[in-house]
Every structure is written in structure tokens, then in C-alpha cells.
Amino acid sequence: MSVYLHRNFLLSFLASFISLFGSKLLMISYAAYVFKESGSATLSAIVFAADWIANLFIGIFAAQYIDRQNAKVLLIRLNVAAAGTTLLFLGFLAPDMFVGAVVLVFVRSLLKSAVSNARVKALVQFFDERETDLYSPVFNSSLPLALALAGAVGVFILEFVGLTAVVLIDAVAFVVAAVLMRFVRPNQTRLDESLRTARASARRGSLSGARDALALMAREESIGTAVFYIVLSVTAFQATYESLITVIPEVWFHWGASGTALFFTFESISIMAGIFLYQFFNRRGHITPANETAVNLTAVAAATLCYLAMPFASGNIYLCVGLFSVMVLCGEVVWVHQFKLMIARTPDAQISAVVGVQTAIGYSLMAVFAFVFARGMDSIGIIPAIYADIALIVALVVGWELLRKQLRQRESADGRAVAPALPQDATAS
């Protein structure tokens, strides 16, 4: 644990976690409020969709700009702006202000998405290369951890205090994050190099960063694979189970808000367990380039099997929470491993652009998955919707792995075809 007692890591991780906690607290609490008032999973999913779709705009249009900025300064400004925007929500708390509230959720999410891109850029401005490789899995996992805790805390605050208190806590969280960020001391060498390299392309078009990131993903199979599995983890897994646990505590067990808080609490515990389980084995050399594909596919298979077994636990809250927890833990292992690979294999000058495109793809599809899954729960029922999602997971993973195999075989064949022939006298000898 001593490796995590690093000044910059502690300050930046806490600032990132608190900021993300603030951005998620209101969104999740408001989604729970909408479901409680309307009984519609679809309307709740619209709140999630407004939050997630904003990542598309930031990832495509703003990521290149973020790559050229001092991450510390940008994070301070964005958190202060988010605090002010959050306070505006006080005027949109009534049920008949739903449309205005969703618009405001979208605006806040634009700021949140910019914060997410800037904090990833901070990985190559605050730390040296060894520290970046060490801290990136834990640092990025502040997002799902904050989401889970925000769900647990938000439901209780909403139940016993009210939505006004959620808004005020939300705004304070952003201010605290900005204050913490002021005490971070960037690694000056990497900061200067990051800014110099990124600003060399400052005169290019606003979409050039996204185009270059897509080209890099297509060219580098390892980066493309990392992006695929990150997107899979936030769509077919996270988007659907976040929608699921806003509904099943009441529908299956009649636990209401306390049941939702229970699931979010176990989600946060499972995320933390997944982070440190991965770090434990990775730092001891048990996860290597030779077995990383097997580790990844094993984690995906285990998460899928737990999801498959969820309907059989509809009559047992303990079994249901247990299966859910293992599913989240395995999904987190996939998330942190693939994010680590993506950061390690992406050039520093393109970090924000690649993460921005990955986020734009992932969270835009997350909005689609959440909405379609919620509609499925409302129309065909919870269990058929789960089975449909599992069938899609299997099809996507099998299809991607077959594609990877074909690409590698083609590259191997091309390599043999262009290999220079040995001189005749050399072969004779």
C-alpha cells in the first residue's frame, strides 16, 4: 500500500473521485426520484442517456483541445464551473420540470466528460512513466467506484432528506475537488513534453484529433482491442445492470430505496475488490503479455455466467446480491486491465484524443443500451431482457475474437510474403 501514499496520486485521486462522485450523485438520485414518481424505467433511462450522450460531443470535438492544455489548471476551472451549474438545478426539482432538468443534466455532463478527459491527460503530466503505468488502473477506476457510492448515498439522502440536499452536496463536492487540485505538483518534465508535442498540431482542424485516434485504433490491434472491451464493459454490462438495479429491488424483493442502496453499496465494494485484486496479481508478474488474453476472456466469461444466473436468484436477495457482486468484480478486472493497456500503448500526445473517442463511443452506446434495455424490461419483462443482453454479449465477444484471429493470421502471412530471400550462397552453406 505504500506505493499509493504518493502526494500527487492521493491528491489527484481524491479530487477525481470527489468530482466524479458529485457529478454522479445528482444524476443517480434524480433518476431514482423519476422512477419513484412515475414508475417508468424508460423515463429513468432518459436521465442516464442525457448524462452519457454528452460524452459524444466532448470526445469528438474537445479532446484535441484538452490534449493541449495544462491538466491541473483545466481541472480546477471545470470543477468550479460544474459547481455553479449544479446550483441551477435547484430551480428544476419539481416533477413538471422534467424536460428542463434533463437539459441541465446534459450540460453538467458536458463538463463532467471534459473533466474525465482532463484527468486522464493528468496521468502523463503528473507522473513519470513508471508511475503512470502503476497508477492508471486505480486512477481510472475512481469513475465506477464514484458511481456506485453515489448510488448508495444518493438513494438514502433522497429518501430521508430530499433532492435539495443532494444538489447542495453535489455543488460542494465540485468545490472541494477544485481546492484539492490546487495542491498537485505536476511532473515538470512530462508536462513540458506533453504540451510541446500536443501543441505542435494546434493548427489542425477540430476533428483531426478524433480522426487520428480512430486511425491509431485501426492500426494498432492492441489499442483497438482495449477500446472494444472497455466499450463492452460499459454497455452490455454496466449500462444494463445500472438500469436493472434501479428496478429489481422493488419488483423482485419489495425493498424499494433501501434495496437499491444495498446493490449500489455492494457494487462499490466489488469495484474496489476488483481493482486491488488485479493490481495484486499484476504487480507480482502473474499477468503477462503471454496470458493477458486468457485472463481477459476468463473475466468476461465469469461475468457473463453470473449475469446468466441472475434470473434464478429472483427469489433470494442474498444469492442475487452475491451474483451481482461477482459480476461487477469480474467486469472491473476487464475495465482496469484494458484501460491500463490503452494508456501504456497510446502516445502521450494522443492520450486525451484516444480516451475521448473511446468515451464518446462507449457512453453514447451506453445511453442506447440503457434505453433499449429499460424498454425491454417495461415491455417483455426483466428476465427476457437479461437473456437478450447475454446473447448479445456472447455474439460480440466471439465475433471480435474471430476478427482478431483473422487479422493476426493475415499480418503473419503478409510478413512471410515480404520477408527477403537469403542469398544463394548463404543457403548453400
Protein backbone atom coordinates (compact mmCIF):
# COMPACT_ATOMS: atom_id res chain seq x y z
CA MET A 1 0.00 0.00 0.00
CA SER A 2 2.96 2.34 0.47
CA VAL A 3 3.20 2.90 -3.31
CA TYR A 4 -0.18 4.68 -3.14
CA LEU A 5 0.99 7.16 -0.47
CA HIS A 6 2.31 9.42 -3.21
CA ARG A 7 1.37 13.07 -2.82
CA ASN A 8 0.27 13.64 -6.40
CA PHE A 9 -1.58 10.32 -6.56
CA LEU A 10 -3.50 10.90 -3.34
CA LEU A 11 -4.47 14.47 -4.18
CA SER A 12 -5.40 13.79 -7.79
CA PHE A 13 -7.22 10.54 -7.00
CA LEU A 14 -9.25 12.17 -4.22
CA ALA A 15 -10.03 15.19 -6.38
CA SER A 16 -11.04 12.92 -9.26
CA PHE A 17 -13.15 10.68 -7.03
CA ILE A 18 -14.92 13.59 -5.28
CA SER A 19 -15.59 15.37 -8.57
CA LEU A 20 -16.98 12.19 -10.15
CA PHE A 21 -18.98 11.47 -7.02
CA GLY A 22 -20.51 14.93 -7.31
CA SER A 23 -21.31 14.52 -11.00
CA LYS A 24 -22.98 11.13 -10.44
CA LEU A 25 -24.77 11.82 -7.16
CA LEU A 26 -27.39 14.14 -8.59
CA MET A 27 -27.88 12.14 -11.77
CA ILE A 28 -28.49 8.85 -9.96
CA SER A 29 -30.65 10.47 -7.27
CA TYR A 30 -32.74 12.23 -9.87
CA ALA A 31 -33.17 9.01 -11.90
CA ALA A 32 -34.34 7.22 -8.72
CA TYR A 33 -36.70 10.12 -7.99
CA VAL A 34 -38.17 9.93 -11.51
CA PHE A 35 -38.73 6.17 -11.23
CA LYS A 36 -40.34 6.58 -7.81
CA GLU A 37 -42.72 9.28 -9.08
CA SER A 38 -43.55 7.75 -12.48
CA GLY A 39 -42.87 4.00 -12.12
CA SER A 40 -41.30 4.10 -15.59
CA ALA A 41 -37.88 2.55 -16.19
CA THR A 42 -37.85 4.30 -19.58
CA LEU A 43 -38.06 7.80 -18.09
CA SER A 44 -35.27 6.93 -15.65
CA ALA A 45 -33.18 5.68 -18.56
CA ILE A 46 -33.65 9.04 -20.33
CA VAL A 47 -31.87 10.70 -17.39
CA PHE A 48 -28.95 8.27 -17.73
CA ALA A 49 -28.96 8.77 -21.51
CA ALA A 50 -28.73 12.57 -21.18
CA ASP A 51 -25.74 12.09 -18.90
CA TRP A 52 -23.96 9.59 -21.15
CA ILE A 53 -24.65 11.09 -24.61
CA ALA A 54 -22.75 14.28 -23.70
CA ASN A 55 -19.52 12.27 -23.92
CA LEU A 56 -20.01 12.05 -27.70
CA PHE A 57 -19.60 15.81 -28.12
CA ILE A 58 -16.58 16.12 -25.84
CA GLY A 59 -14.86 13.05 -27.26
CA ILE A 60 -15.16 14.20 -30.86
CA PHE A 61 -14.88 17.99 -30.67
CA ALA A 62 -12.99 18.85 -27.47
CA ALA A 63 -10.49 16.04 -26.80
CA GLN A 64 -7.80 17.53 -29.06
CA TYR A 65 -8.13 20.87 -27.25
CA ILE A 66 -7.80 19.11 -23.86
CA ASP A 67 -4.61 17.37 -25.07
CA ARG A 68 -3.01 20.81 -25.50
CA GLN A 69 -3.86 22.11 -22.00
CA ASN A 70 -2.30 22.08 -18.56
CA ALA A 71 -4.48 19.41 -16.94
CA LYS A 72 -4.21 20.89 -13.44
CA VAL A 73 -5.43 24.35 -14.47
CA LEU A 74 -8.19 22.90 -16.65
CA LEU A 75 -9.47 20.59 -13.90
CA ILE A 76 -9.72 23.46 -11.41
CA ARG A 77 -11.72 25.59 -13.85
CA LEU A 78 -14.02 22.76 -14.91
CA ASN A 79 -14.87 21.79 -11.32
CA VAL A 80 -15.70 25.38 -10.40
CA ALA A 81 -17.94 25.65 -13.49
CA ALA A 82 -19.65 22.35 -12.58
CA ALA A 83 -20.38 23.63 -9.06
CA GLY A 84 -22.10 26.73 -10.44
CA THR A 85 -24.09 24.73 -12.99
CA THR A 86 -25.23 22.27 -10.33
CA LEU A 87 -26.74 25.03 -8.22
CA LEU A 88 -29.02 25.93 -11.15
CA PHE A 89 -30.69 22.55 -10.63
CA LEU A 90 -32.43 23.98 -7.56
CA GLY A 91 -34.89 25.61 -9.96
CA PHE A 92 -35.79 22.30 -11.68
CA LEU A 93 -36.73 19.96 -8.83
CA ALA A 94 -40.49 19.81 -9.40
CA PRO A 95 -41.85 16.79 -11.33
CA ASP A 96 -43.30 19.06 -14.05
CA MET A 97 -39.80 20.45 -14.75
CA PHE A 98 -38.53 17.12 -16.08
CA VAL A 99 -37.55 18.40 -19.54
CA GLY A 100 -35.58 21.34 -18.13
CA ALA A 101 -33.90 19.06 -15.60
CA VAL A 102 -32.79 16.65 -18.32
CA VAL A 103 -31.33 19.55 -20.33
CA LEU A 104 -29.40 20.67 -17.26
CA VAL A 105 -28.17 17.10 -16.66
CA PHE A 106 -26.83 17.18 -20.22
CA VAL A 107 -24.99 20.48 -19.68
CA ARG A 108 -23.45 19.23 -16.43
CA SER A 109 -22.42 16.07 -18.24
CA LEU A 110 -20.53 18.08 -20.86
CA LEU A 111 -18.44 19.49 -18.01
CA LYS A 112 -18.13 16.06 -16.39
CA SER A 113 -16.95 14.49 -19.65
CA ALA A 114 -14.33 17.23 -20.07
CA VAL A 115 -13.17 16.53 -16.50
CA SER A 116 -12.86 12.82 -17.32
CA ASN A 117 -10.68 13.55 -20.34
CA ALA A 118 -8.55 16.06 -18.45
CA ARG A 119 -7.93 13.70 -15.53
CA VAL A 120 -6.68 11.03 -17.95
CA LYS A 121 -4.36 13.61 -19.50
CA ALA A 122 -3.15 14.29 -15.95
CA LEU A 123 -1.72 10.75 -15.88
CA VAL A 124 1.03 11.82 -18.28
CA GLN A 125 1.52 15.30 -16.75
CA PHE A 126 1.55 14.49 -13.02
CA PHE A 127 3.67 11.29 -13.02
CA ASP A 128 6.71 9.73 -14.65
CA GLU A 129 6.23 6.77 -17.00
CA ARG A 130 6.63 4.09 -14.31
CA GLU A 131 4.13 5.84 -12.03
CA THR A 132 1.67 6.31 -14.91
CA ASP A 133 1.74 2.57 -15.59
CA LEU A 134 1.28 1.80 -11.88
CA TYR A 135 -1.47 4.29 -11.09
CA SER A 136 -3.56 4.26 -14.29
CA PRO A 137 -5.74 1.21 -13.38
CA VAL A 138 -6.59 2.57 -9.92
CA PHE A 139 -6.90 6.18 -11.08
CA ASN A 140 -9.41 5.41 -13.81
CA SER A 141 -11.46 3.18 -11.53
CA SER A 142 -12.43 6.22 -9.49
CA LEU A 143 -15.24 6.56 -12.07
CA PRO A 144 -17.18 3.31 -11.46
CA LEU A 145 -16.37 3.48 -7.74
CA ALA A 146 -17.77 7.02 -7.51
CA LEU A 147 -20.81 5.92 -9.50
CA ALA A 148 -21.53 3.03 -7.14
CA LEU A 149 -21.08 5.05 -3.94
CA ALA A 150 -23.11 7.92 -5.37
CA GLY A 151 -25.94 5.47 -5.97
CA ALA A 152 -25.85 4.12 -2.43
CA VAL A 153 -25.52 7.51 -0.72
CA GLY A 154 -27.87 9.33 -3.09
CA VAL A 155 -30.77 6.94 -2.54
CA PHE A 156 -30.58 7.38 1.25
CA ILE A 157 -30.25 11.17 1.08
CA LEU A 158 -33.18 11.28 -1.32
CA GLU A 159 -35.28 9.08 0.98
CA PHE A 160 -34.56 10.82 4.28
CA VAL A 161 -33.54 14.40 3.42
CA GLY A 162 -34.63 15.32 -0.10
CA LEU A 163 -33.38 16.30 -3.54
CA THR A 164 -32.39 19.83 -2.43
CA ALA A 165 -29.77 18.37 -0.08
CA VAL A 166 -28.43 16.22 -2.94
CA VAL A 167 -27.95 19.33 -5.11
CA LEU A 168 -26.11 21.23 -2.36
CA ILE A 169 -23.83 18.28 -1.53
CA ASP A 170 -23.17 17.92 -5.24
CA ALA A 171 -22.02 21.53 -5.61
CA VAL A 172 -19.79 21.34 -2.53
CA ALA A 173 -18.12 18.19 -3.91
CA PHE A 174 -17.02 20.06 -7.04
CA VAL A 175 -15.60 22.92 -4.99
CA VAL A 176 -13.63 20.53 -2.75
CA ALA A 177 -12.22 18.78 -5.85
CA ALA A 178 -11.04 22.12 -7.25
CA VAL A 179 -9.32 23.02 -3.95
CA LEU A 180 -7.52 19.65 -3.74
CA MET A 181 -6.30 20.00 -7.32
CA ARG A 182 -4.55 23.28 -6.47
CA PHE A 183 -2.06 21.39 -4.28
CA VAL A 184 -0.97 18.92 -7.00
CA ARG A 185 2.61 19.34 -8.27
CA PRO A 186 2.87 18.16 -11.89
CA ASN A 187 5.95 16.33 -13.15
CA GLN A 188 7.50 19.30 -14.95
CA THR A 189 9.49 17.26 -17.46
CA ARG A 190 6.50 15.26 -18.66
CA LEU A 191 4.22 18.31 -18.51
CA ASP A 192 6.52 20.30 -20.79
CA GLU A 193 6.96 17.39 -23.19
CA SER A 194 3.22 16.68 -23.27
CA LEU A 195 2.34 20.29 -24.05
CA ARG A 196 5.10 20.70 -26.63
CA THR A 197 4.14 17.57 -28.54
CA ALA A 198 0.38 18.17 -28.43
CA ARG A 199 0.60 21.86 -29.36
CA ALA A 200 2.68 21.05 -32.42
CA SER A 201 -0.60 20.06 -34.11
CA ALA A 202 -2.58 23.04 -32.77
CA ARG A 203 -3.34 24.46 -36.22
CA ARG A 204 -5.02 21.33 -37.48
CA GLY A 205 -8.80 21.04 -37.75
CA SER A 206 -11.04 20.45 -34.75
CA LEU A 207 -11.80 16.86 -35.84
CA SER A 208 -8.21 15.88 -36.57
CA GLY A 209 -7.65 14.52 -33.07
CA ALA A 210 -10.65 12.18 -33.37
CA ARG A 211 -9.59 11.09 -36.88
CA ASP A 212 -6.03 10.38 -35.71
CA ALA A 213 -7.33 8.47 -32.69
CA LEU A 214 -9.57 6.29 -34.88
CA ALA A 215 -6.68 5.67 -37.26
CA LEU A 216 -4.47 4.63 -34.35
CA MET A 217 -7.13 2.21 -33.08
CA ALA A 218 -7.46 0.68 -36.53
CA ARG A 219 -3.69 0.44 -37.00
CA GLU A 220 -2.75 -0.87 -33.54
CA GLU A 221 -4.69 -4.07 -32.81
CA SER A 222 -3.86 -3.95 -29.09
CA ILE A 223 -5.36 -0.46 -28.71
CA GLY A 224 -8.40 -1.40 -30.77
CA THR A 225 -8.96 -4.47 -28.61
CA ALA A 226 -8.61 -2.44 -25.40
CA VAL A 227 -11.21 0.04 -26.67
CA PHE A 228 -13.57 -2.80 -27.67
CA TYR A 229 -13.53 -4.41 -24.23
CA ILE A 230 -13.81 -1.09 -22.38
CA VAL A 231 -16.85 -0.24 -24.51
CA LEU A 232 -18.27 -3.73 -23.89
CA SER A 233 -17.87 -3.34 -20.13
CA VAL A 234 -19.76 -0.02 -20.02
CA THR A 235 -22.53 -1.02 -22.42
CA ALA A 236 -23.57 -4.68 -22.36
CA PHE A 237 -22.60 -4.91 -18.66
CA GLN A 238 -22.67 -1.59 -16.78
CA ALA A 239 -25.43 0.23 -18.70
CA THR A 240 -27.78 -2.72 -18.35
CA TYR A 241 -27.06 -3.61 -14.74
CA GLU A 242 -27.32 0.05 -13.65
CA SER A 243 -30.81 0.09 -15.16
CA LEU A 244 -31.52 -3.32 -13.67
CA ILE A 245 -30.70 -2.39 -10.08
CA THR A 246 -32.99 0.63 -10.15
CA VAL A 247 -35.87 -1.81 -10.77
CA ILE A 248 -35.27 -5.29 -9.31
CA PRO A 249 -35.01 -4.31 -5.59
CA GLU A 250 -38.66 -3.26 -5.70
CA VAL A 251 -40.01 -5.65 -8.36
CA TRP A 252 -38.29 -8.82 -7.10
CA PHE A 253 -37.92 -8.18 -3.37
CA HIS A 254 -40.15 -5.18 -2.49
CA TRP A 255 -37.20 -3.44 -0.80
CA GLY A 256 -37.60 -0.11 -2.58
CA ALA A 257 -34.96 2.57 -1.95
CA SER A 258 -33.12 0.54 0.68
CA GLY A 259 -32.71 -2.33 -1.79
CA THR A 260 -31.34 -0.01 -4.46
CA ALA A 261 -28.87 1.42 -1.95
CA LEU A 262 -27.87 -2.14 -0.98
CA PHE A 263 -27.00 -3.05 -4.57
CA PHE A 264 -25.07 0.17 -5.15
CA THR A 265 -23.14 -0.41 -1.92
CA PHE A 266 -22.11 -3.90 -2.97
CA GLU A 267 -21.23 -2.55 -6.40
CA SER A 268 -18.76 -0.10 -4.82
CA ILE A 269 -17.22 -2.88 -2.67
CA SER A 270 -16.90 -5.17 -5.69
CA ILE A 271 -15.28 -2.45 -7.78
CA MET A 272 -12.66 -1.79 -5.11
CA ALA A 273 -12.05 -5.53 -4.73
CA GLY A 274 -11.64 -5.90 -8.49
CA ILE A 275 -9.13 -3.02 -8.67
CA PHE A 276 -6.86 -4.33 -5.97
CA LEU A 277 -7.22 -7.99 -6.96
CA TYR A 278 -5.98 -7.04 -10.41
CA GLN A 279 -3.18 -4.87 -9.01
CA PHE A 280 -2.12 -7.63 -6.59
CA PHE A 281 -1.60 -10.20 -9.36
CA ASN A 282 -0.31 -7.69 -11.91
CA ARG A 283 2.42 -6.25 -9.67
CA ARG A 284 3.61 -9.77 -8.83
CA GLY A 285 4.05 -10.63 -12.50
CA HIS A 286 1.15 -13.06 -12.78
CA ILE A 287 -0.50 -11.11 -15.63
CA THR A 288 1.88 -11.14 -18.59
CA PRO A 289 1.64 -10.46 -22.36
CA ALA A 290 1.53 -14.24 -22.83
CA ASN A 291 -1.59 -14.81 -20.70
CA GLU A 292 -3.37 -11.43 -20.74
CA THR A 293 -5.87 -12.56 -23.41
CA ALA A 294 -6.76 -15.64 -21.36
CA VAL A 295 -7.17 -13.53 -18.21
CA ASN A 296 -9.42 -11.08 -20.05
CA LEU A 297 -11.64 -13.76 -21.61
CA THR A 298 -11.90 -15.64 -18.31
CA ALA A 299 -13.12 -12.49 -16.56
CA VAL A 300 -15.63 -11.78 -19.36
CA ALA A 301 -16.90 -15.38 -19.25
CA ALA A 302 -17.28 -15.33 -15.45
CA ALA A 303 -19.19 -12.02 -15.55
CA THR A 304 -21.47 -13.36 -18.28
CA LEU A 305 -22.23 -16.58 -16.37
CA CYS A 306 -23.12 -14.59 -13.24
CA TYR A 307 -25.43 -12.42 -15.32
CA LEU A 308 -26.97 -15.57 -16.82
CA ALA A 309 -27.68 -16.91 -13.33
CA MET A 310 -29.31 -13.69 -12.04
CA PRO A 311 -32.91 -14.65 -13.01
CA PHE A 312 -32.62 -17.86 -10.94
CA ALA A 313 -31.94 -15.67 -7.87
CA SER A 314 -35.12 -13.63 -8.20
CA GLY A 315 -36.48 -15.22 -5.02
CA ASN A 316 -33.32 -14.90 -2.92
CA ILE A 317 -31.88 -11.45 -2.16
CA TYR A 318 -28.61 -12.88 -0.80
CA LEU A 319 -27.91 -15.01 -3.87
CA CYS A 320 -28.90 -12.14 -6.15
CA VAL A 321 -26.53 -9.68 -4.44
CA GLY A 322 -23.77 -12.30 -4.44
CA LEU A 323 -24.07 -12.99 -8.18
CA PHE A 324 -24.27 -9.27 -8.89
CA SER A 325 -21.14 -8.59 -6.84
CA VAL A 326 -19.07 -11.25 -8.60
CA MET A 327 -20.28 -9.98 -11.97
CA VAL A 328 -19.21 -6.42 -11.12
CA LEU A 329 -15.83 -7.61 -9.78
CA CYS A 330 -15.07 -9.54 -12.99
CA GLY A 331 -16.23 -6.64 -15.13
CA GLU A 332 -13.93 -4.32 -13.19
CA VAL A 333 -10.95 -6.58 -13.84
CA VAL A 334 -11.69 -6.29 -17.57
CA TRP A 335 -12.06 -2.49 -17.25
CA VAL A 336 -8.82 -1.80 -15.36
CA HIS A 337 -6.72 -4.22 -17.42
CA GLN A 338 -7.83 -2.86 -20.78
CA PHE A 339 -7.57 0.76 -19.65
CA LYS A 340 -4.01 0.13 -18.46
CA LEU A 341 -3.10 -1.38 -21.84
CA MET A 342 -4.71 1.50 -23.72
CA ILE A 343 -2.80 4.16 -21.75
CA ALA A 344 0.50 2.25 -21.96
CA ARG A 345 0.33 1.79 -25.74
CA THR A 346 -1.02 5.21 -26.76
CA PRO A 347 1.44 8.05 -27.48
CA ASP A 348 1.35 10.73 -24.75
CA ALA A 349 0.32 13.45 -27.22
CA GLN A 350 -2.82 11.45 -28.19
CA ILE A 351 -3.95 10.26 -24.75
CA SER A 352 -6.91 12.62 -24.44
CA ALA A 353 -7.93 12.15 -28.08
CA VAL A 354 -7.95 8.34 -27.82
CA VAL A 355 -9.73 8.34 -24.46
CA GLY A 356 -12.15 10.96 -25.81
CA VAL A 357 -13.10 8.82 -28.80
CA GLN A 358 -13.33 5.71 -26.61
CA THR A 359 -15.54 7.61 -24.17
CA ALA A 360 -17.67 9.06 -26.96
CA ILE A 361 -18.25 5.61 -28.44
CA GLY A 362 -18.71 3.89 -25.09
CA TYR A 363 -21.04 6.30 -23.39
CA SER A 364 -23.10 7.08 -26.47
CA LEU A 365 -23.72 3.36 -26.85
CA MET A 366 -24.22 3.17 -23.08
CA ALA A 367 -27.15 5.55 -23.47
CA VAL A 368 -28.58 3.40 -26.26
CA PHE A 369 -28.11 0.15 -24.31
CA ALA A 370 -29.68 1.61 -21.16
CA PHE A 371 -32.70 2.93 -23.05
CA VAL A 372 -33.26 -0.25 -25.08
CA PHE A 373 -32.76 -2.47 -22.01
CA ALA A 374 -35.18 -0.34 -19.96
CA ARG A 375 -37.74 -0.50 -22.74
CA GLY A 376 -37.23 -4.25 -22.81
CA MET A 377 -37.88 -4.52 -19.07
CA ASP A 378 -41.03 -2.42 -19.44
CA SER A 379 -42.35 -4.37 -22.44
CA ILE A 380 -41.13 -8.01 -22.38
CA GLY A 381 -40.07 -8.27 -18.73
CA ILE A 382 -36.85 -8.30 -16.73
CA ILE A 383 -35.75 -11.91 -17.34
CA PRO A 384 -36.18 -11.92 -21.15
CA ALA A 385 -34.31 -8.59 -21.31
CA ILE A 386 -31.40 -10.13 -19.36
CA TYR A 387 -31.24 -13.16 -21.67
CA ALA A 388 -31.28 -10.92 -24.76
CA ASP A 389 -28.37 -8.90 -23.35
CA ILE A 390 -26.38 -12.07 -22.60
CA ALA A 391 -26.92 -13.33 -26.16
CA LEU A 392 -25.57 -10.01 -27.47
CA ILE A 393 -22.51 -10.20 -25.19
CA VAL A 394 -21.65 -13.68 -26.47
CA ALA A 395 -22.12 -12.65 -30.10
CA LEU A 396 -19.94 -9.53 -29.73
CA VAL A 397 -17.08 -11.27 -27.91
CA VAL A 398 -16.99 -14.30 -30.22
CA GLY A 399 -17.20 -12.05 -33.28
CA TRP A 400 -14.39 -9.78 -32.07
CA GLU A 401 -12.06 -12.63 -31.14
CA LEU A 402 -12.61 -14.30 -34.53
CA LEU A 403 -11.84 -10.99 -36.22
CA ARG A 404 -8.66 -10.60 -34.16
CA LYS A 405 -7.57 -14.11 -35.14
CA GLN A 406 -8.12 -13.40 -38.83
CA LEU A 407 -6.21 -10.09 -38.64
CA ARG A 408 -3.25 -11.74 -36.92
CA GLN A 409 -3.18 -14.57 -39.45
CA ARG A 410 -3.25 -12.04 -42.29
CA GLU A 411 -0.46 -9.98 -40.74
CA SER A 412 1.60 -13.14 -40.25
CA ALA A 413 1.03 -14.20 -43.86
CA ASP A 414 1.91 -10.71 -45.14
CA GLY A 415 5.08 -10.74 -43.04
CA ARG A 416 6.19 -14.03 -44.55
CA ALA A 417 5.38 -12.82 -48.06
CA VAL A 418 7.59 -9.72 -47.83
CA ALA A 419 10.46 -11.41 -45.97
CA PRO A 420 13.66 -11.03 -48.04
CA ALA A 421 15.07 -14.23 -49.50
CA LEU A 422 18.53 -15.31 -48.34
CA PRO A 423 21.38 -15.08 -50.83
CA GLN A 424 22.01 -18.31 -52.73
CA ASP A 425 25.48 -18.83 -51.27
CA ALA A 426 24.12 -18.33 -47.78
CA THR A 427 21.50 -21.03 -48.24
CA ALA A 428 24.11 -23.35 -49.67
CA SER A 429 26.32 -23.01 -46.65
